[in-house]
C-alpha atoms as a PDB file:
ATOM      1  CA  MET A   1      -9.882  59.502 114.270  1.00  0.00           C
ATOM      2  CA  TRP A   2     -10.876  56.544 116.438  1.00  0.00           C
ATOM      3  CA  TYR A   3     -12.554  58.499 119.154  1.00  0.00           C
ATOM      4  CA  LYS A   4     -15.753  60.329 118.242  1.00  0.00           C
ATOM      5  CA  HIS A   5     -16.578  63.213 120.513  1.00  0.00           C
ATOM      6  CA  HIS A   6     -19.855  62.940 122.337  1.00  0.00           C
ATOM      7  CA  SER A   7     -21.870  65.830 123.739  1.00  0.00           C
ATOM      8  CA  ARG A   8     -21.302  64.441 127.250  1.00  0.00           C
ATOM      9  CA  ILE A   9     -17.530  64.392 126.781  1.00  0.00           C
ATOM     10  CA  ARG A  10     -15.949  67.315 128.552  1.00  0.00           C
ATOM     11  CA  SER A  11     -12.691  69.085 127.880  1.00  0.00           C
ATOM     12  CA  VAL A  12      -9.569  68.287 129.862  1.00  0.00           C
ATOM     13  CA  ARG A  13      -9.807  71.784 131.369  1.00  0.00           C
ATOM     14  CA  GLU A  14     -13.321  71.058 132.642  1.00  0.00           C
ATOM     15  CA  LEU A  15     -12.054  67.764 134.058  1.00  0.00           C
ATOM     16  CA  ARG A  16      -9.295  69.489 135.997  1.00  0.00           C
ATOM     17  CA  GLU A  17     -11.798  71.973 137.412  1.00  0.00           C
ATOM     18  CA  SER A  18     -14.304  69.286 138.432  1.00  0.00           C
ATOM     19  CA  SER A  19     -14.263  67.131 141.536  1.00  0.00           C
ATOM     20  CA  THR A  20     -14.623  63.897 139.517  1.00  0.00           C
ATOM     21  CA  LEU A  21     -12.120  61.188 140.379  1.00  0.00           C
ATOM     22  CA  ALA A  22      -9.942  60.410 137.396  1.00  0.00           C
ATOM     23  CA  LEU A  23      -6.718  58.643 136.546  1.00  0.00           C
ATOM     24  CA  PRO A  24      -3.712  60.895 135.889  1.00  0.00           C
ATOM     25  CA  ASP A  25      -3.273  62.706 132.595  1.00  0.00           C
ATOM     26  CA  PRO A  26      -1.072  61.614 131.019  1.00  0.00           C
ATOM     27  CA  ILE A  27      -0.914  58.026 132.218  1.00  0.00           C
ATOM     28  CA  PRO A  28       2.676  57.423 133.437  1.00  0.00           C
ATOM     29  CA  THR A  29       4.790  55.743 130.747  1.00  0.00           C
ATOM     30  CA  LEU A  30       4.024  52.046 130.289  1.00  0.00           C
ATOM     31  CA  THR A  31       6.712  49.704 128.925  1.00  0.00           C
ATOM     32  CA  VAL A  32       5.983  46.379 127.225  1.00  0.00           C
ATOM     33  CA  ASN A  33       8.560  44.355 125.281  1.00  0.00           C
ATOM     34  CA  ALA A  34      11.075  47.255 125.604  1.00  0.00           C
ATOM     35  CA  ILE A  35       8.633  49.639 123.861  1.00  0.00           C
ATOM     36  CA  THR A  36       7.312  52.632 125.795  1.00  0.00           C
ATOM     37  CA  TYR A  37       3.744  53.895 125.533  1.00  0.00           C
ATOM     38  CA  ASP A  38       2.583  57.325 126.630  1.00  0.00           C
ATOM     39  CA  PHE A  39      -1.186  57.806 126.872  1.00  0.00           C
ATOM     40  CA  ALA A  40      -2.697  61.293 127.025  1.00  0.00           C
ATOM     41  CA  ARG A  41      -6.363  61.875 127.813  1.00  0.00           C
ATOM     42  CA  VAL A  42      -8.317  62.747 124.661  1.00  0.00           C
ATOM     43  CA  GLY A  43     -11.843  62.450 126.056  1.00  0.00           C
ATOM     44  CA  PHE A  44     -13.715  62.454 129.330  1.00  0.00           C
ATOM     45  CA  GLY A  45     -17.355  61.899 130.217  1.00  0.00           C
ATOM     46  CA  ASP A  46     -19.464  61.223 133.287  1.00  0.00           C
ATOM     47  CA  SER A  47     -18.301  57.604 133.539  1.00  0.00           C
ATOM     48  CA  LYS A  48     -15.677  57.305 130.827  1.00  0.00           C
ATOM     49  CA  SER A  49     -12.128  58.416 130.045  1.00  0.00           C
ATOM     50  CA  VAL A  50     -10.287  57.834 126.790  1.00  0.00           C
ATOM     51  CA  TYR A  51      -6.508  57.987 126.453  1.00  0.00           C
ATOM     52  CA  GLN A  52      -4.498  57.709 123.250  1.00  0.00           C
ATOM     53  CA  THR A  53      -0.872  57.550 122.176  1.00  0.00           C
ATOM     54  CA  ALA A  54       0.489  60.459 120.139  1.00  0.00           C
ATOM     55  CA  ASN A  55       0.586  58.359 116.951  1.00  0.00           C
ATOM     56  CA  GLY A  56      -3.076  57.363 117.425  1.00  0.00           C
ATOM     57  CA  LEU A  57      -2.371  53.638 117.109  1.00  0.00           C
ATOM     58  CA  ASP A  58      -3.199  52.705 120.701  1.00  0.00           C
ATOM     59  CA  ARG A  59      -6.305  53.792 122.605  1.00  0.00           C
ATOM     60  CA  LEU A  60      -7.117  53.039 126.237  1.00  0.00           C
ATOM     61  CA  THR A  61     -10.727  53.388 127.427  1.00  0.00           C
ATOM     62  CA  ILE A  62     -11.841  53.236 131.040  1.00  0.00           C
ATOM     63  CA  GLU A  63     -15.604  53.021 131.533  1.00  0.00           C
ATOM     64  CA  HIS A  64     -17.951  52.432 134.472  1.00  0.00           C
ATOM     65  CA  SER A  65     -21.659  51.626 134.636  1.00  0.00           C
ATOM     66  CA  GLN A  66     -23.622  51.328 137.824  1.00  0.00           C
ATOM     67  CA  LYS A  67     -26.995  49.690 137.387  1.00  0.00           C
ATOM     68  CA  ALA A  68     -28.238  46.488 139.041  1.00  0.00           C
ATOM     69  CA  ARG A  69     -24.554  45.478 139.053  1.00  0.00           C
ATOM     70  CA  ASN A  70     -21.437  47.596 138.857  1.00  0.00           C
ATOM     71  CA  ARG A  71     -19.347  47.077 135.750  1.00  0.00           C
ATOM     72  CA  HIS A  72     -15.848  48.468 135.235  1.00  0.00           C
ATOM     73  CA  VAL A  73     -14.138  48.070 131.860  1.00  0.00           C
ATOM     74  CA  VAL A  74     -10.568  48.762 130.826  1.00  0.00           C
ATOM     75  CA  ARG A  75     -10.128  48.332 127.078  1.00  0.00           C
ATOM     76  CA  LEU A  76      -7.065  48.633 124.873  1.00  0.00           C
ATOM     77  CA  ASP A  77      -7.611  49.053 121.132  1.00  0.00           C
ATOM     78  CA  ARG A  78      -4.647  48.844 118.783  1.00  0.00           C
ATOM     79  CA  LYS A  79      -4.680  49.462 115.069  1.00  0.00           C
ATOM     80  CA  ALA A  80      -2.006  48.904 112.463  1.00  0.00           C
ATOM     81  CA  THR A  81      -1.457  49.003 108.753  1.00  0.00           C
ATOM     82  CA  VAL A  82      -0.227  45.592 107.625  1.00  0.00           C
ATOM     83  CA  ALA A  83       0.757  43.916 104.375  1.00  0.00           C
ATOM     84  CA  ASP A  84      -2.054  42.140 102.541  1.00  0.00           C
ATOM     85  CA  PRO A  85      -1.033  38.457 102.511  1.00  0.00           C
ATOM     86  CA  LEU A  86      -3.027  37.817  99.327  1.00  0.00           C
ATOM     87  CA  THR A  87      -1.978  40.761  97.182  1.00  0.00           C
ATOM     88  CA  THR A  88       1.641  41.883  96.900  1.00  0.00           C
ATOM     89  CA  GLY A  89       2.143  45.592  97.400  1.00  0.00           C
ATOM     90  CA  ASN A  90      -1.215  46.206  99.089  1.00  0.00           C
ATOM     91  CA  ASN A  91      -1.677  47.193 102.707  1.00  0.00           C
ATOM     92  CA  PHE A  92      -4.799  47.333 104.840  1.00  0.00           C
ATOM     93  CA  GLU A  93      -5.795  48.621 108.268  1.00  0.00           C
ATOM     94  CA  THR A  94      -6.636  46.118 110.964  1.00  0.00           C
ATOM     95  CA  SER A  95      -7.091  46.214 114.710  1.00  0.00           C
ATOM     96  CA  PHE A  96      -7.495  44.181 117.871  1.00  0.00           C
ATOM     97  CA  SER A  97      -8.875  44.844 121.343  1.00  0.00           C
ATOM     98  CA  VAL A  98      -8.039  43.508 124.797  1.00  0.00           C
ATOM     99  CA  TYR A  99     -10.523  43.995 127.642  1.00  0.00           C
ATOM    100  CA  THR A 100     -10.628  43.581 131.379  1.00  0.00           C
ATOM    101  CA  VAL A 101     -14.198  43.560 132.685  1.00  0.00           C
ATOM    102  CA  ILE A 102     -14.987  43.590 136.370  1.00  0.00           C
ATOM    103  CA  ASP A 103     -18.653  42.780 136.980  1.00  0.00           C
ATOM    104  CA  MET A 104     -19.727  42.875 140.593  1.00  0.00           C
ATOM    105  CA  PRO A 105     -22.885  43.218 142.658  1.00  0.00           C
ATOM    106  CA  ARG A 106     -23.573  46.596 144.205  1.00  0.00           C
ATOM    107  CA  VAL A 107     -23.264  45.062 147.684  1.00  0.00           C
ATOM    108  CA  GLY A 108     -21.706  41.928 149.129  1.00  0.00           C
ATOM    109  CA  PHE A 109     -18.044  42.258 148.124  1.00  0.00           C
ATOM    110  CA  SER A 110     -15.594  44.962 149.133  1.00  0.00           C
ATOM    111  CA  ALA A 111     -13.469  46.683 146.498  1.00  0.00           C
ATOM    112  CA  ALA A 112     -10.420  45.004 148.070  1.00  0.00           C
ATOM    113  CA  THR A 113     -11.948  41.511 147.705  1.00  0.00           C
ATOM    114  CA  VAL A 114     -12.788  42.125 144.052  1.00  0.00           C
ATOM    115  CA  ASP A 115      -9.291  43.504 143.498  1.00  0.00           C
ATOM    116  CA  TYR A 116      -7.835  40.252 144.870  1.00  0.00           C
ATOM    117  CA  GLY A 117      -9.790  38.480 142.111  1.00  0.00           C
ATOM    118  CA  ARG A 118      -8.322  40.873 139.530  1.00  0.00           C
ATOM    119  CA  GLN A 119      -4.828  40.225 140.878  1.00  0.00           C
ATOM    120  CA  LEU A 120      -5.398  36.471 140.728  1.00  0.00           C
ATOM    121  CA  LEU A 121      -6.447  36.732 137.075  1.00  0.00           C
ATOM    122  CA  GLU A 122      -3.366  38.839 136.268  1.00  0.00           C
ATOM    123  CA  ALA A 123      -1.172  36.240 138.021  1.00  0.00           C
ATOM    124  CA  PHE A 124      -2.766  33.511 135.882  1.00  0.00           C
ATOM    125  CA  HIS A 125      -1.953  35.410 132.668  1.00  0.00           C
ATOM    126  CA  VAL A 126       1.769  35.608 133.438  1.00  0.00           C
ATOM    127  CA  ALA A 127       2.205  32.163 135.071  1.00  0.00           C
ATOM    128  CA  GLY A 128       3.499  29.177 133.124  1.00  0.00           C
ATOM    129  CA  SER A 129       6.106  28.847 130.426  1.00  0.00           C
ATOM    130  CA  PRO A 130       5.222  30.104 127.930  1.00  0.00           C
ATOM    131  CA  ASP A 131       2.833  32.194 129.983  1.00  0.00           C
ATOM    132  CA  TYR A 132      -0.814  31.140 130.146  1.00  0.00           C
ATOM    133  CA  GLY A 133      -2.011  34.423 128.638  1.00  0.00           C
ATOM    134  CA  LEU A 134      -0.065  33.736 125.432  1.00  0.00           C
ATOM    135  CA  ARG A 135      -1.195  30.113 125.407  1.00  0.00           C
ATOM    136  CA  VAL A 136      -4.850  31.179 125.631  1.00  0.00           C
ATOM    137  CA  ILE A 137      -4.343  33.650 122.749  1.00  0.00           C
ATOM    138  CA  GLN A 138      -2.896  30.747 120.738  1.00  0.00           C
ATOM    139  CA  GLY A 139      -6.063  28.720 121.314  1.00  0.00           C
ATOM    140  CA  GLU A 140      -5.352  26.463 124.295  1.00  0.00           C
ATOM    141  CA  ILE A 141      -8.293  25.733 126.581  1.00  0.00           C
END
């Protein structure tokens, strides 16, 4: 199992009974490339929620830290079993991660202003043909 339970992780029942702000459980269905993904919450802590698909191949982690600066992280981890390109008939597990990190000072910018920056970055990823996000993944600078 990808997600190791931590003593600070609470049950979903405790989450529902608490006053902590949290994203919905489950996350409404997401569709990418005509494939649907349903994420159910599998863990919750003071500043962290973990969601996972039923097959366990995709995990979504939302985490916050508030120290000298506020940091908000959304992370997608995907794992797969793939064919070994060097040895016929062998498979191995591999994975990749995609992160969005928002790092902001505790004061000086409103949440709306920072969100405009997030929206601008998202617009960059899907602009261009082929889109700039894909071109960056392929190594363009």
